[in-house]
Amino acid sequence: MMGGGEPYTALEESLLSGEAAARRQWEKTYLDVLGVCCSAEVALVERLLAPLDGVRAVSVVVPSRTVVVEHDPAAVSQSRIVKVLNGAGLEASVRAYGSSGVIGRWPSPYIVACGALLLASSFRWLLPPLQWLALGAACAGAPPMLLRGLAAASRLTLDINILMLIAVAGAVALKDYAEAGVIVFLFTTAEWLETLACTKASAGMSSLMSMIPPKAVLAETGEVVNVRDIGVGAVIAVRAGEMVPVDGVVVDGQSEVDERSLTGESYPVPKQPQSEVWAGTLNLDGYIAVRTMALAENSTVAKMESLVEEAQQSKSKTQRLIDSCARYYTPAVVVLGAGVALLPPLLGARDAERWFRLALVLLVSACPCALVLSTPVATFCALLTAARMGVLVKGGDVLESLGEIRAVAFDKTGTITRGEFSVDMFDVVGHKVQMSYLLYWISSIESKSSHPMAAALVEYAQSKSIEPKPECVAQFRILPGEGIYGEIDGKRIYVGNKRVLARGSSCQTGELRAEQTYILCLINEV
């Protein structure tokens, strides 16, 4: 209030509202919205959510049917957002952390009921009253389409749902109930199949965040906490075989870490105190204590997710052109359909019912979904495929530019690899041990190891008709940063890199090479 009880001026109100906005705590909520079938629904979603107090930004990723809402949870809750979207029949739900969406989702009860009634009506030639079941099929499957169509119409937006509703109403007016039921069933079934295809494509995005475990163990107390509750400077314990949950620096222990999820390089990287480790990488063979350097939402994987998300939301030149055309396409189809139905009778054509049927066929066949959805789905799948391979592409425009490339030159040997180990050469040094015995001992011990190279060694032995027997191995243990040890057939076997030589004074009796890496085998009598 001003002095003397005067009301706030417009400037003061603006400043106060700005201060209130600055004090708000913003968070992003990801929602699976199955009712978004093409870019025509984007405007509807934005018009539904933008007026809500506490909503700062709304973005829609059409190919994955994902809506990202940046909001203040104190002002508008997730349940409120879901309720608003579901009020328009958009079938929204909050996506859980690390969830892969709705892959494998069964058909909705509307589709099942519509299909069952339509199937029963097909026997109307035996019992004529069964023809009314076709009308029941149309009514059973129409509610989601009706809700979305009404929500779009109330906001002066024409979309595919309105086209289908006009076609169904026309078929019912012509008393062709079977046609009405078939239109509803095919449209709802096509939407369901489209949903499955889109959500399978979006699984790549979820796999990025699933690289980070949801829980972590505090090294000092052993307490299991949510990874999002870990602050900077906390010390967490990461055991062999576990994923690193947060970016940090090793303060205790040593191990080897598989960083292929971030770098694409499959060779294990040794880690010791003062070494940096990254969220989403796999600790292979030793215990390490890690002091965190960043919050979970600021980790390397989270930044990757943010970059991919931004790329998905950006539109290529082709997609912008198609979206621009689609804005006028649906109204044009409605006008054209009305012209086909009304103009011929007005000009003296006799069979008005025939023209009316042709107008309905035009409305159904001119569905813009395939046109509007084709480019974003192709772009979306390309971006996710590249992200899974460790390549982050900044958007559709970049992809279109890459499509014009005719030759690529690589300046590093071994850049194009499968990311899997294979044994290139296996030699016995000094011929003091038979090849078959050496392969048997190594493969049996490696069968008990989770190291990426172990599988290649076991597979190589099996290719030589040698079957490993891990049950015959005693005293097996992992030597972090060096290799493994085990006893078999009265022999003490060390398998590892050159540092394993310090473990014993015996001579080197076996050597093999895998992807340019030498593996030494030391053999002592027990």
Protein backbone atom coordinates (compact mmCIF):
# COMPACT_ATOMS: atom_id res chain seq x y z
CA MET A 1 0.00 0.00 0.00
CA MET A 2 1.07 3.60 -0.63
CA GLY A 3 1.10 6.18 2.16
CA GLY A 4 -2.40 7.25 3.17
CA GLY A 5 -3.91 3.90 2.19
CA GLU A 6 -3.60 4.43 -1.58
CA PRO A 7 -3.71 1.25 -3.67
CA TYR A 8 -0.67 -0.25 -5.42
CA THR A 9 0.33 1.33 -8.69
CA ALA A 10 0.72 -0.82 -11.78
CA LEU A 11 4.52 -0.54 -11.48
CA GLU A 12 4.48 -1.74 -7.87
CA GLU A 13 2.19 -4.66 -8.75
CA SER A 14 4.54 -5.64 -11.56
CA LEU A 15 7.56 -5.51 -9.24
CA LEU A 16 5.77 -7.54 -6.57
CA SER A 17 4.65 -10.18 -9.06
CA GLY A 18 8.24 -10.34 -10.38
CA GLU A 19 9.58 -10.87 -6.87
CA ALA A 20 6.99 -13.60 -6.23
CA ALA A 21 7.99 -15.37 -9.45
CA ALA A 22 11.65 -15.20 -8.45
CA ARG A 23 10.88 -16.81 -5.09
CA ARG A 24 9.10 -19.74 -6.68
CA GLN A 25 10.73 -23.15 -6.89
CA TRP A 26 10.38 -24.42 -10.45
CA GLU A 27 10.51 -28.09 -11.39
CA LYS A 28 9.89 -30.09 -14.54
CA THR A 29 7.18 -32.73 -14.72
CA TYR A 30 7.17 -35.27 -17.56
CA LEU A 31 3.80 -36.64 -18.60
CA ASP A 32 2.81 -39.41 -21.01
CA VAL A 33 -0.16 -37.97 -22.92
CA LEU A 34 -1.61 -40.62 -25.21
CA GLY A 35 -4.17 -38.23 -26.71
CA VAL A 36 -1.47 -36.28 -28.54
CA CYS A 37 -1.46 -37.94 -31.95
CA CYS A 38 -0.12 -35.08 -34.09
CA SER A 39 0.89 -31.44 -33.91
CA ALA A 40 -2.77 -30.37 -34.10
CA GLU A 41 -3.08 -31.29 -30.41
CA VAL A 42 -0.06 -29.18 -29.40
CA ALA A 43 -2.08 -25.96 -29.47
CA LEU A 44 -4.82 -27.65 -27.43
CA VAL A 45 -2.37 -28.79 -24.72
CA GLU A 46 -0.80 -25.33 -24.55
CA ARG A 47 -4.20 -23.62 -24.28
CA LEU A 48 -5.22 -25.98 -21.49
CA LEU A 49 -2.10 -25.57 -19.35
CA ALA A 50 -0.80 -22.06 -20.07
CA PRO A 51 -3.59 -20.28 -18.10
CA LEU A 52 -2.87 -22.29 -14.92
CA ASP A 53 -1.26 -20.24 -12.18
CA GLY A 54 2.23 -21.55 -11.46
CA VAL A 55 2.89 -22.94 -14.96
CA ARG A 56 5.89 -21.22 -16.56
CA ALA A 57 6.49 -23.25 -19.73
CA VAL A 58 4.85 -26.09 -21.64
CA SER A 59 6.56 -28.10 -24.37
CA VAL A 60 5.18 -31.05 -26.32
CA VAL A 61 7.29 -33.78 -27.94
CA VAL A 62 4.76 -35.18 -30.39
CA PRO A 63 6.58 -38.38 -31.54
CA SER A 64 6.96 -39.69 -27.96
CA ARG A 65 3.62 -38.21 -26.81
CA THR A 66 5.43 -36.47 -23.99
CA VAL A 67 4.43 -33.17 -22.39
CA VAL A 68 7.08 -31.37 -20.31
CA VAL A 69 5.63 -28.82 -17.88
CA GLU A 70 7.82 -26.41 -15.93
CA HIS A 71 5.80 -25.34 -12.92
CA ASP A 72 5.78 -24.35 -9.27
CA PRO A 73 4.52 -27.43 -7.34
CA ALA A 74 3.33 -25.20 -4.51
CA ALA A 75 0.99 -23.35 -6.87
CA VAL A 76 -0.12 -26.17 -9.18
CA SER A 77 0.41 -29.84 -8.40
CA GLN A 78 1.10 -32.68 -10.79
CA SER A 79 -2.35 -34.14 -10.08
CA ARG A 80 -3.96 -30.82 -11.03
CA ILE A 81 -2.11 -30.77 -14.36
CA VAL A 82 -3.11 -34.38 -15.08
CA LYS A 83 -6.75 -33.61 -14.17
CA VAL A 84 -6.89 -30.67 -16.59
CA LEU A 85 -5.49 -32.75 -19.46
CA ASN A 86 -7.71 -35.74 -18.72
CA GLY A 87 -10.72 -33.42 -18.62
CA ALA A 88 -10.13 -32.97 -22.34
CA GLY A 89 -9.80 -36.74 -22.86
CA LEU A 90 -6.04 -36.63 -23.47
CA GLU A 91 -5.26 -39.69 -21.26
CA ALA A 92 -2.39 -38.11 -19.34
CA SER A 93 -0.28 -39.69 -16.60
CA VAL A 94 2.87 -38.65 -14.77
CA ARG A 95 5.97 -40.49 -15.93
CA ALA A 96 7.88 -42.06 -13.06
CA TYR A 97 11.65 -41.45 -12.69
CA GLY A 98 13.55 -43.83 -14.96
CA SER A 99 10.33 -45.17 -16.46
CA SER A 100 10.23 -46.08 -20.12
CA GLY A 101 6.68 -44.86 -20.62
CA VAL A 102 3.80 -47.06 -21.76
CA ILE A 103 5.57 -49.66 -23.89
CA GLY A 104 3.49 -52.83 -24.16
CA ARG A 105 0.28 -51.06 -23.17
CA TRP A 106 -2.88 -53.08 -23.80
CA PRO A 107 -5.78 -51.62 -25.83
CA SER A 108 -8.15 -49.42 -23.87
CA PRO A 109 -11.56 -50.76 -22.77
CA TYR A 110 -13.15 -48.49 -25.39
CA ILE A 111 -11.30 -50.28 -28.19
CA VAL A 112 -12.09 -53.73 -26.78
CA ALA A 113 -15.79 -52.94 -26.30
CA CYS A 114 -16.05 -51.38 -29.75
CA GLY A 115 -14.37 -54.35 -31.43
CA ALA A 116 -16.47 -56.93 -29.56
CA LEU A 117 -19.77 -55.23 -30.42
CA LEU A 118 -18.72 -54.73 -34.04
CA LEU A 119 -17.80 -58.41 -34.35
CA ALA A 120 -21.18 -59.45 -32.90
CA SER A 121 -22.99 -57.14 -35.32
CA SER A 122 -21.35 -58.91 -38.27
CA PHE A 123 -23.80 -61.80 -37.68
CA ARG A 124 -26.79 -59.55 -38.44
CA TRP A 125 -27.55 -61.68 -41.52
CA LEU A 126 -28.54 -64.44 -39.08
CA LEU A 127 -30.41 -62.18 -36.67
CA PRO A 128 -31.31 -58.73 -38.09
CA PRO A 129 -31.64 -56.96 -34.68
CA LEU A 130 -27.87 -57.48 -34.23
CA GLN A 131 -27.34 -54.54 -36.61
CA TRP A 132 -28.00 -52.23 -33.66
CA LEU A 133 -24.85 -53.55 -32.00
CA ALA A 134 -22.86 -51.71 -34.70
CA LEU A 135 -24.36 -48.46 -33.45
CA GLY A 136 -23.48 -49.56 -29.93
CA ALA A 137 -19.90 -50.19 -31.12
CA ALA A 138 -19.65 -46.63 -32.42
CA CYS A 139 -21.00 -45.26 -29.15
CA ALA A 140 -18.69 -47.48 -27.06
CA GLY A 141 -15.50 -46.41 -28.81
CA ALA A 142 -16.32 -42.76 -29.34
CA PRO A 143 -15.99 -41.16 -25.82
CA PRO A 144 -12.21 -40.38 -25.97
CA MET A 145 -12.61 -39.01 -29.50
CA LEU A 146 -15.68 -37.00 -28.43
CA LEU A 147 -13.96 -35.47 -25.39
CA ARG A 148 -10.93 -34.38 -27.41
CA GLY A 149 -13.10 -33.05 -30.22
CA LEU A 150 -15.26 -30.99 -27.83
CA ALA A 151 -12.16 -29.65 -26.05
CA ALA A 152 -10.67 -28.59 -29.39
CA ALA A 153 -13.93 -27.04 -30.63
CA SER A 154 -14.38 -25.09 -27.37
CA ARG A 155 -11.00 -23.46 -28.05
CA LEU A 156 -11.77 -22.85 -31.74
CA THR A 157 -9.33 -25.54 -32.91
CA LEU A 158 -10.06 -28.06 -35.66
CA ASP A 159 -8.33 -31.43 -35.37
CA ILE A 160 -8.56 -34.99 -36.61
CA ASN A 161 -11.05 -35.93 -33.88
CA ILE A 162 -13.57 -33.45 -35.25
CA LEU A 163 -13.12 -34.87 -38.76
CA MET A 164 -13.81 -38.38 -37.49
CA LEU A 165 -16.82 -37.25 -35.44
CA ILE A 166 -18.34 -35.58 -38.51
CA ALA A 167 -17.80 -38.78 -40.50
CA VAL A 168 -19.38 -40.95 -37.79
CA ALA A 169 -22.35 -38.60 -37.42
CA GLY A 170 -22.86 -38.65 -41.18
CA ALA A 171 -22.79 -42.45 -41.31
CA VAL A 172 -25.34 -42.62 -38.49
CA ALA A 173 -27.54 -40.05 -40.27
CA LEU A 174 -27.49 -42.32 -43.33
CA LYS A 175 -28.44 -45.24 -41.04
CA ASP A 176 -25.27 -47.04 -42.06
CA TYR A 177 -24.42 -48.13 -38.52
CA ALA A 178 -21.82 -50.72 -39.56
CA GLU A 179 -19.82 -47.99 -41.34
CA ALA A 180 -19.99 -45.79 -38.25
CA GLY A 181 -18.75 -48.63 -36.04
CA VAL A 182 -15.91 -49.50 -38.44
CA ILE A 183 -14.74 -45.87 -38.61
CA VAL A 184 -14.57 -45.61 -34.82
CA PHE A 185 -12.87 -48.99 -34.40
CA LEU A 186 -10.24 -48.42 -37.11
CA PHE A 187 -9.45 -44.91 -35.89
CA THR A 188 -9.07 -45.88 -32.21
CA THR A 189 -7.06 -49.00 -33.12
CA ALA A 190 -4.77 -46.96 -35.38
CA GLU A 191 -4.20 -44.49 -32.52
CA TRP A 192 -3.30 -47.36 -30.19
CA LEU A 193 -0.82 -48.87 -32.67
CA GLU A 194 0.64 -45.43 -33.26
CA THR A 195 1.06 -45.03 -29.50
CA LEU A 196 2.98 -48.30 -29.25
CA ALA A 197 5.30 -47.30 -32.10
CA CYS A 198 5.95 -43.85 -30.63
CA THR A 199 6.57 -45.07 -27.09
CA LYS A 200 8.99 -47.73 -28.30
CA ALA A 201 10.86 -44.98 -30.11
CA SER A 202 10.94 -42.90 -26.92
CA ALA A 203 12.43 -45.75 -24.87
CA GLY A 204 15.88 -44.49 -25.85
CA MET A 205 15.35 -41.28 -23.91
CA SER A 206 14.30 -43.19 -20.81
CA SER A 207 17.31 -45.48 -21.15
CA LEU A 208 19.54 -42.43 -20.76
CA MET A 209 18.16 -41.72 -17.29
CA SER A 210 17.97 -45.41 -16.39
CA MET A 211 21.78 -45.39 -16.62
CA ILE A 212 21.71 -43.66 -13.22
CA PRO A 213 20.65 -45.85 -10.25
CA PRO A 214 17.81 -44.29 -8.21
CA LYS A 215 19.56 -45.08 -4.89
CA ALA A 216 23.08 -44.64 -3.52
CA VAL A 217 24.94 -45.75 -0.37
CA LEU A 218 26.66 -43.20 1.89
CA ALA A 219 30.20 -44.44 2.61
CA GLU A 220 30.38 -43.17 6.19
CA THR A 221 27.07 -44.55 7.53
CA GLY A 222 26.03 -47.20 4.99
CA GLU A 223 22.64 -45.48 4.70
CA VAL A 224 20.77 -45.98 1.42
CA VAL A 225 19.44 -42.65 0.15
CA ASN A 226 17.67 -41.32 -2.93
CA VAL A 227 20.24 -40.18 -5.49
CA ARG A 228 18.41 -36.87 -5.84
CA ASP A 229 18.95 -36.16 -2.13
CA ILE A 230 22.76 -36.40 -2.32
CA GLY A 231 24.47 -33.04 -1.92
CA VAL A 232 27.79 -31.85 -3.33
CA GLY A 233 30.72 -33.09 -1.22
CA ALA A 234 29.03 -36.22 0.09
CA VAL A 235 31.04 -39.46 -0.01
CA ILE A 236 29.25 -42.46 -1.51
CA ALA A 237 30.30 -46.10 -1.76
CA VAL A 238 30.34 -47.85 -5.14
CA ARG A 239 30.96 -51.60 -5.07
CA ALA A 240 32.05 -53.88 -7.92
CA GLY A 241 29.30 -54.36 -10.47
CA GLU A 242 27.41 -51.18 -9.47
CA MET A 243 26.74 -48.07 -11.52
CA VAL A 244 28.25 -44.77 -10.41
CA PRO A 245 25.21 -42.66 -9.38
CA VAL A 246 26.74 -39.14 -9.37
CA ASP A 247 29.75 -37.38 -10.92
CA GLY A 248 32.65 -37.24 -8.46
CA VAL A 249 36.27 -37.89 -7.53
CA VAL A 250 37.63 -41.15 -6.08
CA VAL A 251 38.88 -40.61 -2.51
CA ASP A 252 39.47 -44.24 -1.51
CA GLY A 253 40.01 -47.59 -3.22
CA GLN A 254 40.94 -48.49 -6.78
CA SER A 255 39.11 -50.22 -9.57
CA GLU A 256 38.47 -50.25 -13.30
CA VAL A 257 35.42 -48.47 -14.71
CA ASP A 258 33.58 -49.16 -17.94
CA GLU A 259 32.83 -45.75 -19.52
CA ARG A 260 31.40 -46.98 -22.82
CA SER A 261 27.98 -45.50 -22.00
CA LEU A 262 29.51 -42.00 -22.23
CA THR A 263 32.60 -42.31 -24.41
CA GLY A 264 31.84 -45.30 -26.63
CA GLU A 265 35.22 -46.80 -25.71
CA SER A 266 34.82 -50.31 -24.34
CA TYR A 267 38.25 -50.58 -22.71
CA PRO A 268 38.11 -50.41 -18.87
CA VAL A 269 39.66 -47.24 -17.41
CA PRO A 270 41.74 -47.64 -14.21
CA LYS A 271 40.60 -45.45 -11.30
CA GLN A 272 42.51 -44.59 -8.14
CA PRO A 273 42.32 -41.72 -5.62
CA GLN A 274 41.95 -38.30 -7.34
CA SER A 275 40.53 -39.92 -10.51
CA GLU A 276 37.26 -38.51 -11.80
CA VAL A 277 34.28 -40.82 -12.32
CA TRP A 278 31.01 -40.05 -14.06
CA ALA A 279 27.39 -40.94 -13.42
CA GLY A 280 26.14 -43.82 -15.56
CA THR A 281 29.52 -45.61 -15.77
CA LEU A 282 30.00 -49.15 -14.42
CA ASN A 283 32.43 -50.04 -11.62
CA LEU A 284 33.87 -53.37 -12.72
CA ASP A 285 36.07 -55.04 -10.15
CA GLY A 286 36.80 -53.11 -6.95
CA TYR A 287 35.40 -50.93 -4.18
CA ILE A 288 35.73 -47.15 -4.52
CA ALA A 289 34.55 -44.26 -2.37
CA VAL A 290 33.51 -41.22 -4.41
CA ARG A 291 33.17 -37.60 -3.27
CA THR A 292 30.40 -36.00 -5.32
CA MET A 293 31.15 -32.97 -7.49
CA ALA A 294 27.62 -32.22 -8.71
CA LEU A 295 23.97 -32.84 -7.93
CA ALA A 296 22.20 -35.67 -9.75
CA GLU A 297 20.26 -33.23 -11.93
CA ASN A 298 23.55 -31.62 -13.02
CA SER A 299 25.39 -34.85 -13.80
CA THR A 300 26.85 -35.67 -17.20
CA VAL A 301 23.97 -38.01 -18.03
CA ALA A 302 21.40 -35.36 -17.00
CA LYS A 303 23.11 -32.88 -19.32
CA MET A 304 22.97 -35.46 -22.11
CA GLU A 305 19.25 -35.89 -21.48
CA SER A 306 18.74 -32.12 -21.53
CA LEU A 307 20.58 -31.80 -24.85
CA VAL A 308 18.57 -34.63 -26.44
CA GLU A 309 15.33 -33.15 -25.08
CA GLU A 310 16.16 -29.75 -26.57
CA ALA A 311 17.01 -31.39 -29.87
CA GLN A 312 13.69 -33.26 -29.90
CA GLN A 313 11.74 -30.07 -29.27
CA SER A 314 13.55 -28.14 -32.00
CA LYS A 315 12.01 -28.45 -35.45
CA SER A 316 13.77 -28.93 -38.73
CA LYS A 317 13.04 -26.75 -41.77
CA THR A 318 10.94 -29.54 -43.31
CA GLN A 319 8.98 -30.07 -40.11
CA ARG A 320 8.28 -26.34 -39.76
CA LEU A 321 6.98 -26.26 -43.32
CA ILE A 322 4.71 -29.28 -42.75
CA ASP A 323 3.38 -27.86 -39.48
CA SER A 324 2.66 -24.56 -41.20
CA CYS A 325 0.72 -26.32 -43.96
CA ALA A 326 -1.10 -28.59 -41.47
CA ARG A 327 -2.47 -25.52 -39.66
CA TYR A 328 -4.58 -24.78 -42.73
CA TYR A 329 -4.94 -28.35 -43.97
CA THR A 330 -7.65 -29.57 -41.58
CA PRO A 331 -9.98 -26.55 -42.06
CA ALA A 332 -9.44 -26.86 -45.82
CA VAL A 333 -10.49 -30.53 -45.71
CA VAL A 334 -13.67 -29.61 -43.78
CA VAL A 335 -14.51 -26.87 -46.30
CA LEU A 336 -13.79 -29.21 -49.23
CA GLY A 337 -15.94 -31.95 -47.69
CA ALA A 338 -18.80 -29.50 -47.21
CA GLY A 339 -18.40 -28.42 -50.83
CA VAL A 340 -18.56 -32.01 -52.09
CA ALA A 341 -21.72 -32.63 -50.05
CA LEU A 342 -23.58 -29.39 -50.84
CA LEU A 343 -22.51 -28.00 -54.23
CA PRO A 344 -23.59 -30.87 -56.54
CA PRO A 345 -27.19 -30.96 -55.16
CA LEU A 346 -27.36 -27.16 -55.35
CA LEU A 347 -26.22 -27.34 -58.97
CA GLY A 348 -28.95 -29.86 -59.82
CA ALA A 349 -27.26 -33.24 -59.24
CA ARG A 350 -29.88 -35.89 -58.50
CA ASP A 351 -28.22 -38.42 -56.19
CA ALA A 352 -27.59 -36.19 -53.13
CA GLU A 353 -26.97 -39.20 -50.87
CA ARG A 354 -24.12 -40.36 -53.11
CA TRP A 355 -22.37 -36.98 -52.85
CA PHE A 356 -22.89 -36.96 -49.11
CA ARG A 357 -21.18 -40.35 -48.87
CA LEU A 358 -18.29 -39.13 -51.00
CA ALA A 359 -17.86 -36.15 -48.67
CA LEU A 360 -17.62 -38.52 -45.69
CA VAL A 361 -15.07 -40.66 -47.53
CA LEU A 362 -13.06 -37.52 -48.21
CA LEU A 363 -13.06 -36.54 -44.52
CA VAL A 364 -11.82 -39.97 -43.44
CA SER A 365 -9.24 -40.52 -46.18
CA ALA A 366 -7.80 -36.98 -45.91
CA CYS A 367 -6.75 -37.51 -42.28
CA PRO A 368 -3.65 -35.31 -41.81
CA CYS A 369 -2.02 -37.42 -39.09
CA ALA A 370 0.28 -39.39 -41.38
CA LEU A 371 1.46 -36.23 -43.12
CA VAL A 372 2.00 -34.25 -39.92
CA LEU A 373 3.56 -37.09 -37.90
CA SER A 374 5.95 -38.53 -40.49
CA THR A 375 8.76 -35.97 -40.24
CA PRO A 376 8.89 -35.56 -36.43
CA VAL A 377 8.84 -39.35 -35.90
CA ALA A 378 11.69 -39.85 -38.36
CA THR A 379 13.69 -37.05 -36.72
CA PHE A 380 12.91 -38.34 -33.24
CA CYS A 381 14.07 -41.88 -34.02
CA ALA A 382 17.27 -40.59 -35.62
CA LEU A 383 18.11 -38.41 -32.61
CA LEU A 384 17.54 -41.26 -30.16
CA THR A 385 19.50 -43.77 -32.23
CA ALA A 386 22.41 -41.34 -32.32
CA ALA A 387 22.14 -40.69 -28.55
CA ARG A 388 22.23 -44.43 -27.78
CA MET A 389 25.45 -44.61 -29.83
CA GLY A 390 26.96 -41.75 -27.85
CA VAL A 391 26.44 -39.05 -30.51
CA LEU A 392 24.42 -35.97 -29.52
CA VAL A 393 22.81 -34.17 -32.46
CA LYS A 394 21.50 -30.67 -31.78
CA GLY A 395 18.34 -30.89 -33.87
CA GLY A 396 16.52 -31.78 -37.05
CA ASP A 397 18.25 -29.10 -39.13
CA VAL A 398 21.62 -30.71 -38.34
CA LEU A 399 20.26 -34.12 -39.33
CA GLU A 400 19.04 -32.75 -42.64
CA SER A 401 22.49 -31.27 -43.24
CA LEU A 402 24.09 -34.64 -42.39
CA GLY A 403 21.79 -36.25 -44.93
CA GLU A 404 23.55 -34.30 -47.68
CA ILE A 405 27.00 -35.68 -46.73
CA ARG A 406 28.39 -38.12 -49.29
CA ALA A 407 31.80 -38.98 -47.74
CA VAL A 408 33.19 -39.12 -44.19
CA ALA A 409 36.89 -39.28 -43.21
CA PHE A 410 38.02 -40.65 -39.82
CA ASP A 411 41.46 -39.73 -38.53
CA LYS A 412 41.74 -42.27 -35.69
CA THR A 413 42.42 -45.97 -36.09
CA GLY A 414 39.80 -48.08 -34.38
CA THR A 415 37.12 -45.36 -34.22
CA ILE A 416 34.56 -47.54 -35.96
CA THR A 417 34.30 -50.56 -33.67
CA ARG A 418 31.62 -52.78 -32.22
CA GLY A 419 32.51 -51.87 -28.64
CA GLU A 420 33.06 -55.54 -27.75
CA PHE A 421 36.28 -57.42 -26.98
CA SER A 422 37.45 -60.30 -29.15
CA VAL A 423 40.60 -62.40 -28.97
CA ASP A 424 42.85 -61.52 -31.89
CA MET A 425 45.75 -63.86 -31.08
CA PHE A 426 46.55 -66.37 -28.35
CA ASP A 427 50.15 -67.57 -27.91
CA VAL A 428 51.96 -69.83 -25.46
CA VAL A 429 55.38 -68.40 -24.61
CA GLY A 430 58.16 -70.91 -24.18
CA HIS A 431 55.91 -73.90 -24.90
CA LYS A 432 56.08 -74.98 -21.23
CA VAL A 433 52.32 -75.44 -21.09
CA GLN A 434 50.06 -76.99 -23.68
CA MET A 435 47.64 -74.60 -25.36
CA SER A 436 44.60 -76.68 -24.36
CA TYR A 437 45.56 -76.63 -20.65
CA LEU A 438 46.23 -72.90 -20.69
CA LEU A 439 42.88 -72.17 -22.34
CA TYR A 440 41.09 -74.47 -19.88
CA TRP A 441 42.62 -72.77 -16.82
CA ILE A 442 42.06 -69.22 -18.07
CA SER A 443 38.49 -69.78 -19.30
CA SER A 444 37.50 -71.56 -16.07
CA ILE A 445 38.76 -68.68 -13.92
CA GLU A 446 37.40 -65.98 -16.24
CA SER A 447 33.96 -67.65 -16.09
CA LYS A 448 33.71 -66.37 -12.52
CA SER A 449 34.57 -62.78 -13.51
CA SER A 450 32.24 -59.97 -14.65
CA HIS A 451 35.02 -58.13 -16.50
CA PRO A 452 34.11 -57.28 -20.15
CA MET A 453 37.22 -59.11 -21.37
CA ALA A 454 36.25 -62.31 -19.53
CA ALA A 455 33.40 -63.10 -21.92
CA ALA A 456 35.73 -62.81 -24.92
CA LEU A 457 38.26 -65.21 -23.35
CA VAL A 458 35.58 -67.77 -22.46
CA GLU A 459 34.05 -67.54 -25.93
CA TYR A 460 37.47 -68.04 -27.53
CA ALA A 461 38.13 -71.17 -25.44
CA GLN A 462 34.73 -72.58 -26.39
CA SER A 463 35.48 -71.93 -30.06
CA LYS A 464 38.49 -74.26 -29.57
CA SER A 465 36.15 -76.97 -28.14
CA ILE A 466 37.32 -76.35 -24.57
CA GLU A 467 34.55 -76.14 -22.00
CA PRO A 468 35.37 -74.07 -18.88
CA LYS A 469 34.58 -75.49 -15.44
CA PRO A 470 34.17 -72.60 -12.98
CA GLU A 471 33.09 -75.04 -10.25
CA CYS A 472 36.63 -76.41 -10.18
CA VAL A 473 38.12 -73.00 -9.34
CA ALA A 474 39.04 -72.32 -5.71
CA GLN A 475 40.22 -69.20 -3.88
CA PHE A 476 38.94 -66.93 -6.65
CA ARG A 477 39.48 -63.22 -6.06
CA ILE A 478 39.64 -59.98 -8.00
CA LEU A 479 42.83 -57.90 -7.97
CA PRO A 480 41.57 -54.33 -8.65
CA GLY A 481 43.46 -52.65 -11.45
CA GLU A 482 45.55 -55.77 -12.10
CA GLY A 483 43.50 -58.86 -12.91
CA ILE A 484 42.13 -61.97 -11.19
CA TYR A 485 43.47 -64.95 -9.24
CA GLY A 486 42.27 -68.52 -8.77
CA GLU A 487 43.45 -72.03 -8.05
CA ILE A 488 42.65 -74.97 -10.31
CA ASP A 489 44.17 -78.44 -10.75
CA GLY A 490 46.82 -77.70 -8.13
CA LYS A 491 47.94 -74.53 -9.90
CA ARG A 492 47.83 -70.92 -8.71
CA ILE A 493 46.76 -68.87 -11.72
CA TYR A 494 47.11 -65.11 -12.10
CA VAL A 495 45.44 -63.53 -15.15
CA GLY A 496 45.79 -59.80 -15.77
CA ASN A 497 47.93 -56.98 -17.07
CA LYS A 498 51.65 -56.40 -16.56
CA ARG A 499 51.13 -55.21 -12.98
CA VAL A 500 50.15 -58.75 -12.07
CA LEU A 501 53.82 -59.74 -12.55
CA ALA A 502 54.59 -58.19 -9.16
CA ARG A 503 52.32 -60.77 -7.56
CA GLY A 504 54.74 -63.62 -8.07
CA SER A 505 58.28 -64.44 -9.10
CA SER A 506 57.44 -67.20 -11.57
CA CYS A 507 58.15 -66.89 -15.23
CA GLN A 508 55.56 -65.80 -17.73
CA THR A 509 54.11 -68.93 -19.29
CA GLY A 510 51.15 -67.68 -21.28
CA GLU A 511 50.30 -64.58 -23.25
CA LEU A 512 47.40 -63.55 -25.45
CA ARG A 513 46.35 -60.36 -27.19
CA ALA A 514 42.82 -58.96 -27.28
CA GLU A 515 42.13 -55.66 -29.08
CA GLN A 516 45.83 -54.68 -28.77
CA THR A 517 45.81 -55.43 -25.02
CA TYR A 518 48.25 -58.03 -23.67
CA ILE A 519 46.96 -60.43 -21.03
CA LEU A 520 49.59 -62.27 -19.00
CA CYS A 521 49.06 -65.57 -17.22
CA LEU A 522 51.38 -66.49 -14.30
CA ILE A 523 51.31 -70.07 -13.05
CA ASN A 524 52.68 -71.28 -9.69
CA GLU A 525 52.46 -74.67 -8.06
CA VAL A 526 50.14 -74.71 -5.03
